[in-house]
Amino acid sequence: MGILLGGVAGVPSARIVILGGGVVGSNAAQIAVGSGAQVVVIDRNLDVLRRMDRLLGARVITVFSNRDNVEHHVLRADLVIGGVLIPSAAAPSW
């Protein structure tokens, strides 16, 4: 059985968790909110979380990143999007 990410009447919306609220996370959150999903953005930078609140308001839940919060939200997610920048690390290559 699959999950319908977009909102349709009579079908519960998907829960999308986005790790990191930078450029990737911010754009992913805007797309996810536009699809009608329940969106949670997790970041450890309070300024980033405040910016996300200003940008998307009540349509997104912002959460400070720590081990417990990440575990709690990721285990309940239908989709997890990773957008965390690790300084001086090489970008993944396929």
PDB file of N, CA and C in Angstrom:
ATOM      1  N   MET A   1       0.844  -1.176   0.000  1.00  0.00           N
ATOM      2  CA  MET A   1       0.000   0.000   0.000  1.00  0.00           C
ATOM      3  C   MET A   1       0.889   1.237   0.000  1.00  0.00           C
ATOM      4  N   GLY A   2       0.584   2.193  -0.844  1.00  0.00           N
ATOM      5  CA  GLY A   2       1.379   3.401  -0.949  1.00  0.00           C
ATOM      6  C   GLY A   2       0.802   4.548  -0.149  1.00  0.00           C
ATOM      7  N   ILE A   3       1.513   5.646  -0.171  1.00  0.00           N
ATOM      8  CA  ILE A   3       1.110   6.874   0.514  1.00  0.00           C
ATOM      9  C   ILE A   3       0.878   7.938  -0.558  1.00  0.00           C
ATOM     10  N   LEU A   4      -0.253   8.632  -0.461  1.00  0.00           N
ATOM     11  CA  LEU A   4      -0.533   9.735  -1.356  1.00  0.00           C
ATOM     12  C   LEU A   4      -0.030  11.008  -0.703  1.00  0.00           C
ATOM     13  N   LEU A   5       1.052  11.589  -1.229  1.00  0.00           N
ATOM     14  CA  LEU A   5       1.657  12.758  -0.601  1.00  0.00           C
ATOM     15  C   LEU A   5       0.794  14.007  -0.734  1.00  0.00           C
ATOM     16  N   GLY A   6       0.169  14.186  -1.870  1.00  0.00           N
ATOM     17  CA  GLY A   6      -0.668  15.364  -2.071  1.00  0.00           C
ATOM     18  C   GLY A   6      -1.992  15.234  -1.337  1.00  0.00           C
ATOM     19  N   GLY A   7      -2.576  16.352  -1.002  1.00  0.00           N
ATOM     20  CA  GLY A   7      -3.845  16.339  -0.285  1.00  0.00           C
ATOM     21  C   GLY A   7      -5.020  16.063  -1.208  1.00  0.00           C
ATOM     22  N   VAL A   8      -5.860  15.112  -0.827  1.00  0.00           N
ATOM     23  CA  VAL A   8      -7.082  14.793  -1.534  1.00  0.00           C
ATOM     24  C   VAL A   8      -8.177  14.661  -0.496  1.00  0.00           C
ATOM     25  N   ALA A   9      -9.338  15.177  -0.784  1.00  0.00           N
ATOM     26  CA  ALA A   9     -10.446  15.102   0.173  1.00  0.00           C
ATOM     27  C   ALA A   9     -10.699  13.653   0.590  1.00  0.00           C
ATOM     28  N   GLY A  10     -10.833  13.455   1.886  1.00  0.00           N
ATOM     29  CA  GLY A  10     -11.129  12.131   2.420  1.00  0.00           C
ATOM     30  C   GLY A  10      -9.911  11.259   2.662  1.00  0.00           C
ATOM     31  N   VAL A  11      -8.735  11.737   2.321  1.00  0.00           N
ATOM     32  CA  VAL A  11      -7.506  10.970   2.518  1.00  0.00           C
ATOM     33  C   VAL A  11      -6.590  11.753   3.459  1.00  0.00           C
ATOM     34  N   PRO A  12      -6.104  11.109   4.526  1.00  0.00           N
ATOM     35  CA  PRO A  12      -5.198  11.828   5.434  1.00  0.00           C
ATOM     36  C   PRO A  12      -3.946  12.292   4.691  1.00  0.00           C
ATOM     37  N   SER A  13      -3.488  13.497   5.009  1.00  0.00           N
ATOM     38  CA  SER A  13      -2.295  14.017   4.345  1.00  0.00           C
ATOM     39  C   SER A  13      -1.043  13.324   4.865  1.00  0.00           C
ATOM     40  N   ALA A  14      -0.028  13.287   4.011  1.00  0.00           N
ATOM     41  CA  ALA A  14       1.245  12.666   4.376  1.00  0.00           C
ATOM     42  C   ALA A  14       1.971  13.547   5.382  1.00  0.00           C
ATOM     43  N   ARG A  15       2.856  12.922   6.144  1.00  0.00           N
ATOM     44  CA  ARG A  15       3.687  13.650   7.106  1.00  0.00           C
ATOM     45  C   ARG A  15       5.117  13.637   6.558  1.00  0.00           C
ATOM     46  N   ILE A  16       5.620  14.829   6.233  1.00  0.00           N
ATOM     47  CA  ILE A  16       6.958  14.963   5.656  1.00  0.00           C
ATOM     48  C   ILE A  16       7.861  15.658   6.666  1.00  0.00           C
ATOM     49  N   VAL A  17       8.999  15.047   6.943  1.00  0.00           N
ATOM     50  CA  VAL A  17       9.991  15.623   7.852  1.00  0.00           C
ATOM     51  C   VAL A  17      11.193  16.038   7.020  1.00  0.00           C
ATOM     52  N   ILE A  18      11.630  17.283   7.230  1.00  0.00           N
ATOM     53  CA  ILE A  18      12.772  17.818   6.494  1.00  0.00           C
ATOM     54  C   ILE A  18      13.885  18.116   7.492  1.00  0.00           C
ATOM     55  N   LEU A  19      15.024  17.474   7.300  1.00  0.00           N
ATOM     56  CA  LEU A  19      16.182  17.674   8.166  1.00  0.00           C
ATOM     57  C   LEU A  19      17.051  18.767   7.561  1.00  0.00           C
ATOM     58  N   GLY A  20      17.053  19.920   8.185  1.00  0.00           N
ATOM     59  CA  GLY A  20      17.823  21.057   7.696  1.00  0.00           C
ATOM     60  C   GLY A  20      16.910  22.084   7.044  1.00  0.00           C
ATOM     61  N   GLY A  21      17.048  23.333   7.464  1.00  0.00           N
ATOM     62  CA  GLY A  21      16.180  24.382   6.962  1.00  0.00           C
ATOM     63  C   GLY A  21      16.890  25.399   6.098  1.00  0.00           C
ATOM     64  N   GLY A  22      18.007  25.015   5.514  1.00  0.00           N
ATOM     65  CA  GLY A  22      18.739  25.929   4.632  1.00  0.00           C
ATOM     66  C   GLY A  22      18.064  26.044   3.281  1.00  0.00           C
ATOM     67  N   VAL A  23      18.839  26.235   2.238  1.00  0.00           N
ATOM     68  CA  VAL A  23      18.297  26.423   0.891  1.00  0.00           C
ATOM     69  C   VAL A  23      17.505  25.192   0.453  1.00  0.00           C
ATOM     70  N   VAL A  24      18.088  24.012   0.583  1.00  0.00           N
ATOM     71  CA  VAL A  24      17.415  22.782   0.178  1.00  0.00           C
ATOM     72  C   VAL A  24      16.167  22.557   1.021  1.00  0.00           C
ATOM     73  N   GLY A  25      16.314  22.651   2.339  1.00  0.00           N
ATOM     74  CA  GLY A  25      15.186  22.417   3.234  1.00  0.00           C
ATOM     75  C   GLY A  25      14.067  23.414   3.062  1.00  0.00           C
ATOM     76  N   SER A  26      14.417  24.674   2.850  1.00  0.00           N
ATOM     77  CA  SER A  26      13.414  25.719   2.666  1.00  0.00           C
ATOM     78  C   SER A  26      12.600  25.484   1.393  1.00  0.00           C
ATOM     79  N   ASN A  27      13.286  25.149   0.307  1.00  0.00           N
ATOM     80  CA  ASN A  27      12.578  24.864  -0.947  1.00  0.00           C
ATOM     81  C   ASN A  27      11.745  23.593  -0.845  1.00  0.00           C
ATOM     82  N   ALA A  28      12.285  22.575  -0.192  1.00  0.00           N
ATOM     83  CA  ALA A  28      11.532  21.341   0.000  1.00  0.00           C
ATOM     84  C   ALA A  28      10.281  21.601   0.834  1.00  0.00           C
ATOM     85  N   ALA A  29      10.401  22.436   1.869  1.00  0.00           N
ATOM     86  CA  ALA A  29       9.255  22.751   2.721  1.00  0.00           C
ATOM     87  C   ALA A  29       8.170  23.474   1.930  1.00  0.00           C
ATOM     88  N   GLN A  30       8.557  24.406   1.077  1.00  0.00           N
ATOM     89  CA  GLN A  30       7.571  25.131   0.275  1.00  0.00           C
ATOM     90  C   GLN A  30       6.818  24.188  -0.665  1.00  0.00           C
ATOM     91  N   ILE A  31       7.540  23.273  -1.275  1.00  0.00           N
ATOM     92  CA  ILE A  31       6.900  22.298  -2.170  1.00  0.00           C
ATOM     93  C   ILE A  31       5.991  21.363  -1.375  1.00  0.00           C
ATOM     94  N   ALA A  32       6.468  20.900  -0.229  1.00  0.00           N
ATOM     95  CA  ALA A  32       5.686  19.972   0.600  1.00  0.00           C
ATOM     96  C   ALA A  32       4.411  20.631   1.113  1.00  0.00           C
ATOM     97  N   VAL A  33       4.519  21.876   1.559  1.00  0.00           N
ATOM     98  CA  VAL A  33       3.340  22.609   2.026  1.00  0.00           C
ATOM     99  C   VAL A  33       2.353  22.788   0.870  1.00  0.00           C
ATOM    100  N   GLY A  34       2.878  23.102  -0.301  1.00  0.00           N
ATOM    101  CA  GLY A  34       2.031  23.276  -1.478  1.00  0.00           C
ATOM    102  C   GLY A  34       1.296  22.011  -1.876  1.00  0.00           C
ATOM    103  N   SER A  35       1.861  20.860  -1.536  1.00  0.00           N
ATOM    104  CA  SER A  35       1.212  19.589  -1.872  1.00  0.00           C
ATOM    105  C   SER A  35       0.152  19.194  -0.858  1.00  0.00           C
ATOM    106  N   GLY A  36       0.051  19.978   0.230  1.00  0.00           N
ATOM    107  CA  GLY A  36      -0.967  19.687   1.235  1.00  0.00           C
ATOM    108  C   GLY A  36      -0.510  18.769   2.346  1.00  0.00           C
ATOM    109  N   ALA A  37       0.770  18.473   2.411  1.00  0.00           N
ATOM    110  CA  ALA A  37       1.294  17.569   3.440  1.00  0.00           C
ATOM    111  C   ALA A  37       1.444  18.287   4.783  1.00  0.00           C
ATOM    112  N   GLN A  38       1.506  17.501   5.852  1.00  0.00           N
ATOM    113  CA  GLN A  38       1.911  18.009   7.157  1.00  0.00           C
ATOM    114  C   GLN A  38       3.430  18.067   7.130  1.00  0.00           C
ATOM    115  N   VAL A  39       4.004  19.233   7.402  1.00  0.00           N
ATOM    116  CA  VAL A  39       5.443  19.418   7.219  1.00  0.00           C
ATOM    117  C   VAL A  39       6.104  19.774   8.542  1.00  0.00           C
ATOM    118  N   VAL A  40       7.190  19.062   8.852  1.00  0.00           N
ATOM    119  CA  VAL A  40       8.011  19.336  10.025  1.00  0.00           C
ATOM    120  C   VAL A  40       9.420  19.636   9.537  1.00  0.00           C
ATOM    121  N   VAL A  41       9.968  20.783   9.947  1.00  0.00           N
ATOM    122  CA  VAL A  41      11.347  21.148   9.599  1.00  0.00           C
ATOM    123  C   VAL A  41      12.165  21.109  10.882  1.00  0.00           C
ATOM    124  N   ILE A  42      13.267  20.373  10.846  1.00  0.00           N
ATOM    125  CA  ILE A  42      14.144  20.225  12.011  1.00  0.00           C
ATOM    126  C   ILE A  42      15.486  20.857  11.691  1.00  0.00           C
ATOM    127  N   ASP A  43      15.931  21.753  12.563  1.00  0.00           N
ATOM    128  CA  ASP A  43      17.224  22.410  12.378  1.00  0.00           C
ATOM    129  C   ASP A  43      17.752  22.790  13.753  1.00  0.00           C
ATOM    130  N   ARG A  44      19.057  22.998  13.854  1.00  0.00           N
ATOM    131  CA  ARG A  44      19.628  23.383  15.148  1.00  0.00           C
ATOM    132  C   ARG A  44      19.926  24.874  15.236  1.00  0.00           C
ATOM    133  N   ASN A  45      19.620  25.596  14.181  1.00  0.00           N
ATOM    134  CA  ASN A  45      19.832  27.032  14.146  1.00  0.00           C
ATOM    135  C   ASN A  45      18.490  27.736  14.364  1.00  0.00           C
ATOM    136  N   LEU A  46      18.344  28.433  15.483  1.00  0.00           N
ATOM    137  CA  LEU A  46      17.081  29.091  15.804  1.00  0.00           C
ATOM    138  C   LEU A  46      16.717  30.175  14.795  1.00  0.00           C
ATOM    139  N   ASP A  47      17.714  30.850  14.238  1.00  0.00           N
ATOM    140  CA  ASP A  47      17.423  31.864  13.215  1.00  0.00           C
ATOM    141  C   ASP A  47      16.792  31.235  11.972  1.00  0.00           C
ATOM    142  N   VAL A  48      17.268  30.063  11.600  1.00  0.00           N
ATOM    143  CA  VAL A  48      16.700  29.344  10.454  1.00  0.00           C
ATOM    144  C   VAL A  48      15.256  28.947  10.753  1.00  0.00           C
ATOM    145  N   LEU A  49      15.006  28.456  11.963  1.00  0.00           N
ATOM    146  CA  LEU A  49      13.650  28.060  12.335  1.00  0.00           C
ATOM    147  C   LEU A  49      12.709  29.261  12.363  1.00  0.00           C
ATOM    148  N   ARG A  50      13.189  30.396  12.856  1.00  0.00           N
ATOM    149  CA  ARG A  50      12.367  31.616  12.864  1.00  0.00           C
ATOM    150  C   ARG A  50      12.052  32.070  11.435  1.00  0.00           C
ATOM    151  N   ARG A  51      13.052  31.998  10.552  1.00  0.00           N
ATOM    152  CA  ARG A  51      12.840  32.374   9.150  1.00  0.00           C
ATOM    153  C   ARG A  51      11.795  31.466   8.504  1.00  0.00           C
ATOM    154  N   MET A  52      11.859  30.182   8.827  1.00  0.00           N
ATOM    155  CA  MET A  52      10.890  29.232   8.279  1.00  0.00           C
ATOM    156  C   MET A  52       9.485  29.542   8.796  1.00  0.00           C
ATOM    157  N   ASP A  53       9.385  29.906  10.066  1.00  0.00           N
ATOM    158  CA  ASP A  53       8.085  30.303  10.633  1.00  0.00           C
ATOM    159  C   ASP A  53       7.539  31.535   9.931  1.00  0.00           C
ATOM    160  N   ARG A  54       8.399  32.521   9.667  1.00  0.00           N
ATOM    161  CA  ARG A  54       7.949  33.730   8.972  1.00  0.00           C
ATOM    162  C   ARG A  54       7.524  33.410   7.541  1.00  0.00           C
ATOM    163  N   LEU A  55       8.266  32.526   6.890  1.00  0.00           N
ATOM    164  CA  LEU A  55       8.010  32.194   5.492  1.00  0.00           C
ATOM    165  C   LEU A  55       6.720  31.399   5.314  1.00  0.00           C
ATOM    166  N   LEU A  56       6.512  30.387   6.155  1.00  0.00           N
ATOM    167  CA  LEU A  56       5.396  29.464   5.947  1.00  0.00           C
ATOM    168  C   LEU A  56       4.349  29.483   7.059  1.00  0.00           C
ATOM    169  N   GLY A  57       4.641  30.174   8.143  1.00  0.00           N
ATOM    170  CA  GLY A  57       3.665  30.322   9.215  1.00  0.00           C
ATOM    171  C   GLY A  57       3.184  29.001   9.793  1.00  0.00           C
ATOM    172  N   ALA A  58       1.878  28.922  10.024  1.00  0.00           N
ATOM    173  CA  ALA A  58       1.288  27.753  10.682  1.00  0.00           C
ATOM    174  C   ALA A  58       1.244  26.526   9.784  1.00  0.00           C
ATOM    175  N   ARG A  59       1.640  26.666   8.528  1.00  0.00           N
ATOM    176  CA  ARG A  59       1.606  25.513   7.619  1.00  0.00           C
ATOM    177  C   ARG A  59       2.795  24.579   7.820  1.00  0.00           C
ATOM    178  N   VAL A  60       3.749  24.993   8.658  1.00  0.00           N
ATOM    179  CA  VAL A  60       4.927  24.165   8.932  1.00  0.00           C
ATOM    180  C   VAL A  60       5.177  24.144  10.436  1.00  0.00           C
ATOM    181  N   ILE A  61       5.647  23.009  10.919  1.00  0.00           N
ATOM    182  CA  ILE A  61       6.041  22.875  12.320  1.00  0.00           C
ATOM    183  C   ILE A  61       7.556  22.926  12.358  1.00  0.00           C
ATOM    184  N   THR A  62       8.106  23.837  13.156  1.00  0.00           N
ATOM    185  CA  THR A  62       9.555  23.926  13.279  1.00  0.00           C
ATOM    186  C   THR A  62       9.977  23.317  14.609  1.00  0.00           C
ATOM    187  N   VAL A  63      11.058  22.544  14.567  1.00  0.00           N
ATOM    188  CA  VAL A  63      11.520  21.803  15.737  1.00  0.00           C
ATOM    189  C   VAL A  63      13.027  21.952  15.859  1.00  0.00           C
ATOM    190  N   PHE A  64      13.498  22.233  17.076  1.00  0.00           N
ATOM    191  CA  PHE A  64      14.936  22.303  17.321  1.00  0.00           C
ATOM    192  C   PHE A  64      15.527  20.902  17.235  1.00  0.00           C
ATOM    193  N   SER A  65      16.661  20.791  16.592  1.00  0.00           N
ATOM    194  CA  SER A  65      17.275  19.493  16.358  1.00  0.00           C
ATOM    195  C   SER A  65      18.049  18.994  17.575  1.00  0.00           C
ATOM    196  N   ASN A  66      17.649  17.844  18.042  1.00  0.00           N
ATOM    197  CA  ASN A  66      18.422  17.057  19.002  1.00  0.00           C
ATOM    198  C   ASN A  66      18.065  15.593  18.747  1.00  0.00           C
ATOM    199  N   ARG A  67      18.772  14.698  19.365  1.00  0.00           N
ATOM    200  CA  ARG A  67      18.582  13.273  19.093  1.00  0.00           C
ATOM    201  C   ARG A  67      17.137  12.824  19.316  1.00  0.00           C
ATOM    202  N   ASP A  68      16.535  13.238  20.413  1.00  0.00           N
ATOM    203  CA  ASP A  68      15.175  12.811  20.732  1.00  0.00           C
ATOM    204  C   ASP A  68      14.159  13.352  19.723  1.00  0.00           C
ATOM    205  N   ASN A  69      14.280  14.634  19.368  1.00  0.00           N
ATOM    206  CA  ASN A  69      13.334  15.221  18.422  1.00  0.00           C
ATOM    207  C   ASN A  69      13.455  14.597  17.036  1.00  0.00           C
ATOM    208  N   VAL A  70      14.689  14.373  16.589  1.00  0.00           N
ATOM    209  CA  VAL A  70      14.885  13.743  15.280  1.00  0.00           C
ATOM    210  C   VAL A  70      14.276  12.347  15.281  1.00  0.00           C
ATOM    211  N   GLU A  71      14.581  11.563  16.291  1.00  0.00           N
ATOM    212  CA  GLU A  71      14.042  10.201  16.365  1.00  0.00           C
ATOM    213  C   GLU A  71      12.520  10.212  16.402  1.00  0.00           C
ATOM    214  N   HIS A  72      11.949  11.067  17.240  1.00  0.00           N
ATOM    215  CA  HIS A  72      10.490  11.128  17.388  1.00  0.00           C
ATOM    216  C   HIS A  72       9.803  11.426  16.057  1.00  0.00           C
ATOM    217  N   HIS A  73      10.266  12.435  15.354  1.00  0.00           N
ATOM    218  CA  HIS A  73       9.594  12.852  14.124  1.00  0.00           C
ATOM    219  C   HIS A  73       9.909  11.952  12.937  1.00  0.00           C
ATOM    220  N   VAL A  74      11.143  11.477  12.836  1.00  0.00           N
ATOM    221  CA  VAL A  74      11.511  10.617  11.703  1.00  0.00           C
ATOM    222  C   VAL A  74      10.770   9.290  11.761  1.00  0.00           C
ATOM    223  N   LEU A  75      10.605   8.739  12.947  1.00  0.00           N
ATOM    224  CA  LEU A  75       9.904   7.454  13.068  1.00  0.00           C
ATOM    225  C   LEU A  75       8.428   7.561  12.687  1.00  0.00           C
ATOM    226  N   ARG A  76       7.854   8.743  12.753  1.00  0.00           N
ATOM    227  CA  ARG A  76       6.441   8.939  12.427  1.00  0.00           C
ATOM    228  C   ARG A  76       6.220   9.485  11.013  1.00  0.00           C
ATOM    229  N   ALA A  77       7.300   9.701  10.292  1.00  0.00           N
ATOM    230  CA  ALA A  77       7.211  10.337   8.968  1.00  0.00           C
ATOM    231  C   ALA A  77       6.874   9.333   7.870  1.00  0.00           C
ATOM    232  N   ASP A  78       6.164   9.827   6.864  1.00  0.00           N
ATOM    233  CA  ASP A  78       5.954   9.055   5.641  1.00  0.00           C
ATOM    234  C   ASP A  78       7.103   9.282   4.663  1.00  0.00           C
ATOM    235  N   LEU A  79       7.726  10.460   4.764  1.00  0.00           N
ATOM    236  CA  LEU A  79       8.844  10.813   3.895  1.00  0.00           C
ATOM    237  C   LEU A  79       9.819  11.674   4.682  1.00  0.00           C
ATOM    238  N   VAL A  80      11.105  11.367   4.579  1.00  0.00           N
ATOM    239  CA  VAL A  80      12.151  12.174   5.217  1.00  0.00           C
ATOM    240  C   VAL A  80      13.044  12.725   4.116  1.00  0.00           C
ATOM    241  N   ILE A  81      13.268  14.040   4.168  1.00  0.00           N
ATOM    242  CA  ILE A  81      14.133  14.709   3.195  1.00  0.00           C
ATOM    243  C   ILE A  81      15.351  15.236   3.942  1.00  0.00           C
ATOM    244  N   GLY A  82      16.526  14.838   3.515  1.00  0.00           N
ATOM    245  CA  GLY A  82      17.762  15.287   4.142  1.00  0.00           C
ATOM    246  C   GLY A  82      18.349  16.465   3.394  1.00  0.00           C
ATOM    247  N   GLY A  83      18.485  17.585   4.078  1.00  0.00           N
ATOM    248  CA  GLY A  83      19.067  18.768   3.465  1.00  0.00           C
ATOM    249  C   GLY A  83      20.086  19.407   4.383  1.00  0.00           C
ATOM    250  N   VAL A  84      20.888  18.579   5.043  1.00  0.00           N
ATOM    251  CA  VAL A  84      21.863  19.067   6.019  1.00  0.00           C
ATOM    252  C   VAL A  84      23.205  19.288   5.333  1.00  0.00           C
ATOM    253  N   LEU A  85      23.765  20.464   5.548  1.00  0.00           N
ATOM    254  CA  LEU A  85      25.092  20.784   5.019  1.00  0.00           C
ATOM    255  C   LEU A  85      26.135  20.428   6.070  1.00  0.00           C
ATOM    256  N   ILE A  86      27.116  19.642   5.663  1.00  0.00           N
ATOM    257  CA  ILE A  86      28.228  19.319   6.550  1.00  0.00           C
ATOM    258  C   ILE A  86      29.437  20.067   6.004  1.00  0.00           C
ATOM    259  N   PRO A  87      29.872  21.132   6.694  1.00  0.00           N
ATOM    260  CA  PRO A  87      30.980  21.935   6.183  1.00  0.00           C
ATOM    261  C   PRO A  87      32.228  21.101   5.899  1.00  0.00           C
ATOM    262  N   SER A  88      32.864  21.389   4.822  1.00  0.00           N
ATOM    263  CA  SER A  88      34.115  20.777   4.327  1.00  0.00           C
ATOM    264  C   SER A  88      33.951  19.301   3.940  1.00  0.00           C
ATOM    265  N   ALA A  89      32.742  18.795   3.937  1.00  0.00           N
ATOM    266  CA  ALA A  89      32.524  17.412   3.477  1.00  0.00           C
ATOM    267  C   ALA A  89      32.231  17.429   1.986  1.00  0.00           C
ATOM    268  N   ALA A  90      32.615  16.381   1.308  1.00  0.00           N
ATOM    269  CA  ALA A  90      32.353  16.282  -0.118  1.00  0.00           C
ATOM    270  C   ALA A  90      30.874  15.970  -0.334  1.00  0.00           C
ATOM    271  N   ALA A  91      30.311  16.526  -1.391  1.00  0.00           N
ATOM    272  CA  ALA A  91      28.929  16.218  -1.753  1.00  0.00           C
ATOM    273  C   ALA A  91      28.842  14.763  -2.168  1.00  0.00           C
ATOM    274  N   PRO A  92      27.705  14.125  -1.909  1.00  0.00           N
ATOM    275  CA  PRO A  92      27.571  12.719  -2.315  1.00  0.00           C
ATOM    276  C   PRO A  92      27.679  12.586  -3.839  1.00  0.00           C
ATOM    277  N   SER A  93      28.302  11.526  -4.282  1.00  0.00           N
ATOM    278  CA  SER A  93      28.386  11.259  -5.720  1.00  0.00           C
ATOM    279  C   SER A  93      27.804   9.879  -5.974  1.00  0.00           C
ATOM    280  N   TRP A  94      27.118   9.762  -7.059  1.00  0.00           N
ATOM    281  CA  TRP A  94      26.472   8.484  -7.368  1.00  0.00           C
ATOM    282  C   TRP A  94      27.309   7.811  -8.366  1.00  0.00           C
TER     283      TRP A  94
END
